[in-house]
Amino acid sequence: ALADEAAALYRECDELAVQLDSRAIRPARVMWRVYAAYLQEMQARGWANPLATVRFSKFKKLRLAASGLFG
């Protein structure tokens, strides 16, 4: 399924990212953390209504962004 392919690509990118300059990819890591969390949330709730909006609180988005910047 498409979600499984996306999850596999996220894992592959995570493995490749360790080879890159962490400062140079900082913006990409922030986006990666947020989008990966959205994918995980959609997978966890199931695909009965794939168009349903997934929302995170501002605090959770900030926490995810911080983990991309500093984690």
Protein backbone atom coordinates (compact mmCIF):
# COMPACT_ATOMS: atom_id res chain seq x y z
CA ALA A 1 0.00 0.00 0.00
CA LEU A 2 1.01 3.60 -0.45
CA ALA A 3 1.35 4.19 3.31
CA ASP A 4 3.77 1.28 3.65
CA GLU A 5 5.86 2.65 0.79
CA ALA A 6 5.92 6.09 2.43
CA ALA A 7 6.97 4.58 5.77
CA ALA A 8 9.78 2.65 4.05
CA LEU A 9 11.00 5.82 2.36
CA TYR A 10 11.00 7.68 5.68
CA ARG A 11 13.14 4.92 7.21
CA GLU A 12 15.53 5.01 4.25
CA CYS A 13 15.87 8.80 4.46
CA ASP A 14 16.54 8.57 8.18
CA GLU A 15 19.36 6.10 7.54
CA LEU A 16 20.86 8.26 4.80
CA ALA A 17 20.59 11.50 6.78
CA VAL A 18 23.33 10.47 9.21
CA GLN A 19 25.81 10.76 6.33
CA LEU A 20 24.95 14.41 5.68
CA ASP A 21 25.95 17.65 7.36
CA SER A 22 23.44 18.01 10.19
CA ARG A 23 23.36 21.81 9.91
CA ALA A 24 22.67 21.71 6.19
CA ILE A 25 19.71 19.37 6.53
CA ARG A 26 18.21 20.93 9.65
CA PRO A 27 15.13 22.35 7.83
CA ALA A 28 14.56 19.00 6.13
CA ARG A 29 14.80 17.18 9.47
CA VAL A 30 12.18 19.48 10.98
CA MET A 31 9.77 18.79 8.11
CA TRP A 32 10.61 15.08 8.22
CA ARG A 33 9.71 14.81 11.91
CA VAL A 34 6.38 16.56 11.46
CA TYR A 35 5.36 14.68 8.31
CA ALA A 36 6.46 11.34 9.78
CA ALA A 37 4.29 12.01 12.82
CA TYR A 38 1.31 12.74 10.56
CA LEU A 39 1.89 9.48 8.68
CA GLN A 40 2.14 7.53 11.94
CA GLU A 41 -1.08 9.09 13.21
CA MET A 42 -2.92 8.26 9.99
CA GLN A 43 -1.66 4.67 10.10
CA ALA A 44 -2.68 4.33 13.75
CA ARG A 45 -6.25 5.53 13.21
CA GLY A 46 -6.76 3.42 10.08
CA TRP A 47 -7.89 4.21 6.57
CA ALA A 48 -11.68 4.06 6.92
CA ASN A 49 -11.82 7.78 6.15
CA PRO A 50 -8.52 8.75 4.47
CA LEU A 51 -9.67 12.32 3.87
CA ALA A 52 -10.25 13.03 7.56
CA THR A 53 -7.94 15.76 8.80
CA VAL A 54 -5.20 14.90 11.27
CA ARG A 55 -4.51 17.79 13.60
CA PHE A 56 -1.74 18.29 16.12
CA SER A 57 -1.71 20.89 18.87
CA LYS A 58 0.73 23.77 18.56
CA PHE A 59 2.69 22.29 21.46
CA LYS A 60 3.07 18.93 19.70
CA LYS A 61 4.17 20.63 16.47
CA LEU A 62 6.74 22.68 18.40
CA ARG A 63 7.97 19.56 20.16
CA LEU A 64 8.33 17.73 16.83
CA ALA A 65 10.13 20.71 15.29
CA ALA A 66 12.48 20.92 18.27
CA SER A 67 13.28 17.23 17.96
CA GLY A 68 14.18 17.87 14.32
CA LEU A 69 16.40 20.79 15.26
CA PHE A 70 18.14 19.32 18.28
CA GLY A 71 17.45 15.59 18.24
